[in-house]
Amino acid sequence: MSMIGNYLRITPLEFDRARRDPDWAMEYADELEDAEIDQPESPAGRLAKDRLHRTDKSWDALRWLLERAACPIDVVHGEDEFTEDDWGYGPAFLLTPDRVAEASAFLSALPYDRLIDGVTGADLDAADVYPKAWSEPYALDHLRKYYDDLVRYFAAATATGDAMVVWLS
């Protein structure tokens, strides 16, 4: 089974609701995921595409690279645990709108080529970064898409003042 990095954009009102009722947040994420899969062209499916984001198995490489770059926000895991419930591989965490904006500014100022400057796939494998296959040809090129998509996702969340729920499943 694979570990997947997940993000859910939520409005400030939804953020307050999620903090009071973590079960609601999990149900909302599940509903969006179902709509994304079952009705991709419906309004609910389009909303899901805007609200949900996944970094697939690249989450740990992104974590390692962002820590190396001294990112001030834990973009990959989130920061404030708001539930002890297991969302797949542990609890979900929150990023406030201010922390999302701070992360977005950092990510937007860090192009992918600078993020990986001086890093090889062998470095990631030596650091035991999940999944241990970074020395494969084109692995770092493949990671570029996930990073660039994450940068855009955080920028879109910042533009609308959204918070985020972050978890591994």
Protein backbone atom coordinates (compact mmCIF):
# COMPACT_ATOMS: atom_id res chain seq x y z
CA MET A 1 0.00 0.00 0.00
CA SER A 2 1.25 3.49 -0.83
CA MET A 3 1.36 6.55 1.38
CA ILE A 4 -0.19 9.55 -0.35
CA GLY A 5 0.07 13.22 0.66
CA ASN A 6 -3.34 14.95 0.75
CA TYR A 7 -4.50 18.54 1.05
CA LEU A 8 -7.96 20.01 1.49
CA ARG A 9 -8.53 23.74 1.02
CA ILE A 10 -11.15 25.12 3.38
CA THR A 11 -12.57 28.60 3.82
CA PRO A 12 -12.07 30.45 7.12
CA LEU A 13 -15.64 29.51 8.16
CA GLU A 14 -14.97 25.88 7.29
CA PHE A 15 -11.69 26.12 9.20
CA ASP A 16 -13.57 27.12 12.36
CA ARG A 17 -16.05 24.31 11.79
CA ALA A 18 -13.24 21.77 11.22
CA ARG A 19 -11.60 22.75 14.51
CA ARG A 20 -14.89 22.30 16.36
CA ASP A 21 -15.94 19.17 14.45
CA PRO A 22 -13.03 17.19 12.94
CA ASP A 23 -15.45 14.45 11.84
CA TRP A 24 -17.16 17.00 9.58
CA ALA A 25 -13.82 17.78 7.91
CA MET A 26 -13.14 14.10 7.26
CA GLU A 27 -16.63 13.58 5.84
CA TYR A 28 -16.26 16.70 3.67
CA ALA A 29 -12.95 15.43 2.27
CA ASP A 30 -14.55 12.02 1.58
CA GLU A 31 -17.55 13.63 -0.18
CA LEU A 32 -15.27 15.73 -2.37
CA GLU A 33 -13.14 12.71 -3.24
CA ASP A 34 -16.27 10.73 -4.20
CA ALA A 35 -17.52 13.61 -6.37
CA GLU A 36 -14.12 13.96 -8.02
CA ILE A 37 -14.13 10.27 -8.95
CA ASP A 38 -17.82 9.66 -9.68
CA GLN A 39 -18.89 12.98 -11.24
CA PRO A 40 -15.76 14.74 -12.52
CA GLU A 41 -17.66 17.12 -14.84
CA SER A 42 -20.42 18.03 -12.37
CA PRO A 43 -20.26 21.21 -10.25
CA ALA A 44 -19.37 19.02 -7.25
CA GLY A 45 -16.60 17.31 -9.23
CA ARG A 46 -15.17 20.64 -10.36
CA LEU A 47 -15.29 21.94 -6.79
CA ALA A 48 -13.43 18.83 -5.67
CA LYS A 49 -10.68 19.47 -8.23
CA ASP A 50 -10.21 22.96 -6.80
CA ARG A 51 -10.38 21.91 -3.15
CA LEU A 52 -8.44 18.63 -3.07
CA HIS A 53 -4.80 18.14 -3.95
CA ARG A 54 -2.53 15.12 -3.75
CA THR A 55 1.22 14.82 -3.96
CA ASP A 56 0.98 11.05 -4.27
CA LYS A 57 4.13 9.25 -3.12
CA SER A 58 6.30 12.34 -3.63
CA TRP A 59 5.31 13.80 -0.25
CA ASP A 60 8.44 12.58 1.56
CA ALA A 61 10.84 13.84 -1.10
CA LEU A 62 9.10 17.21 -0.96
CA ARG A 63 9.38 17.17 2.84
CA TRP A 64 13.10 16.39 2.70
CA LEU A 65 13.82 19.01 0.05
CA LEU A 66 11.77 21.71 1.78
CA GLU A 67 13.44 21.01 5.13
CA ARG A 68 16.81 21.26 3.36
CA ALA A 69 15.68 24.62 1.92
CA ALA A 70 14.67 25.81 5.43
CA CYS A 71 10.99 26.23 4.64
CA PRO A 72 9.48 27.92 7.72
CA ILE A 73 6.19 26.01 7.43
CA ASP A 74 5.63 22.26 7.57
CA VAL A 75 3.95 22.19 4.18
CA VAL A 76 3.89 18.40 3.92
CA HIS A 77 2.48 17.47 7.33
CA GLY A 78 0.71 20.63 8.44
CA GLU A 79 1.24 22.18 11.84
CA ASP A 80 -1.70 22.06 14.23
CA GLU A 81 -3.09 18.62 15.03
CA PHE A 82 -6.81 19.03 15.42
CA THR A 83 -7.89 15.44 15.80
CA GLU A 84 -6.38 12.26 17.14
CA ASP A 85 -8.45 10.25 14.65
CA ASP A 86 -6.52 8.30 12.05
CA TRP A 87 -7.02 9.74 8.57
CA GLY A 88 -4.97 6.97 6.95
CA TYR A 89 -1.47 7.14 8.40
CA GLY A 90 -2.13 9.18 11.51
CA PRO A 91 -4.11 12.31 12.29
CA ALA A 92 -4.77 15.29 10.06
CA PHE A 93 -3.20 18.68 10.72
CA LEU A 94 -4.25 22.24 9.95
CA LEU A 95 -2.56 25.18 8.35
CA THR A 96 -4.18 28.54 9.12
CA PRO A 97 -4.78 31.01 6.28
CA ASP A 98 -1.79 33.06 7.49
CA ARG A 99 0.50 30.01 7.48
CA VAL A 100 -0.80 28.99 4.04
CA ALA A 101 0.06 32.47 2.76
CA GLU A 102 3.51 32.36 4.36
CA ALA A 103 4.16 28.94 2.84
CA SER A 104 2.91 30.13 -0.53
CA ALA A 105 5.30 33.09 -0.50
CA PHE A 106 8.20 30.79 0.30
CA LEU A 107 7.24 28.22 -2.35
CA SER A 108 6.63 30.85 -5.02
CA ALA A 109 10.09 32.32 -4.42
CA LEU A 110 11.77 28.91 -4.71
CA PRO A 111 11.80 27.52 -8.25
CA TYR A 112 12.15 23.77 -8.55
CA ASP A 113 15.64 23.94 -10.06
CA ARG A 114 16.86 25.83 -6.99
CA LEU A 115 15.03 23.43 -4.67
CA ILE A 116 16.97 20.46 -6.06
CA ASP A 117 20.23 22.29 -6.73
CA GLY A 118 23.09 19.94 -5.78
CA VAL A 119 20.74 17.02 -4.98
CA THR A 120 20.73 13.67 -6.72
CA GLY A 121 18.30 10.81 -6.53
CA ALA A 122 21.03 8.88 -4.74
CA ASP A 123 20.98 11.56 -2.00
CA LEU A 124 17.27 10.97 -1.48
CA ASP A 125 17.75 7.22 -1.39
CA ALA A 126 20.66 7.56 1.06
CA ALA A 127 18.43 9.67 3.31
CA ASP A 128 15.85 6.85 3.22
CA VAL A 129 13.22 9.10 1.60
CA TYR A 130 9.96 7.28 0.82
CA PRO A 131 9.57 5.55 -1.60
CA LYS A 132 13.13 4.38 -1.94
CA ALA A 133 13.41 4.66 -5.72
CA TRP A 134 14.80 8.14 -6.30
CA SER A 135 17.90 6.91 -8.12
CA GLU A 136 15.70 5.73 -10.98
CA PRO A 137 16.18 7.70 -14.20
CA TYR A 138 13.86 10.70 -14.45
CA ALA A 139 12.70 10.41 -10.80
CA LEU A 140 13.70 13.99 -10.02
CA ASP A 141 12.14 15.17 -13.28
CA HIS A 142 8.92 13.44 -12.26
CA LEU A 143 9.03 15.21 -8.89
CA ARG A 144 9.02 18.61 -10.64
CA LYS A 145 5.35 18.22 -11.59
CA TYR A 146 4.33 17.55 -7.99
CA TYR A 147 6.29 20.53 -6.70
CA ASP A 148 5.00 22.92 -9.35
CA ASP A 149 1.41 21.75 -8.76
CA LEU A 150 1.86 22.25 -5.01
CA VAL A 151 3.15 25.79 -5.56
CA ARG A 152 0.08 26.60 -7.70
CA TYR A 153 -2.27 24.98 -5.17
CA PHE A 154 -0.88 27.07 -2.30
CA ALA A 155 -1.04 30.22 -4.43
CA ALA A 156 -4.71 29.56 -5.26
CA ALA A 157 -5.49 28.97 -1.58
CA THR A 158 -3.71 32.19 -0.63
CA ALA A 159 -5.61 34.16 -3.28
CA THR A 160 -8.92 33.19 -1.67
CA GLY A 161 -7.75 33.28 1.96
CA ASP A 162 -8.17 29.56 2.50
CA ALA A 163 -6.79 27.37 5.25
CA MET A 164 -5.81 23.72 4.73
CA VAL A 165 -6.20 20.29 6.22
CA VAL A 166 -3.15 18.10 5.54
CA TRP A 167 -2.84 14.33 6.03
CA LEU A 168 -1.24 11.13 4.77
CA SER A 169 -3.40 8.28 3.55
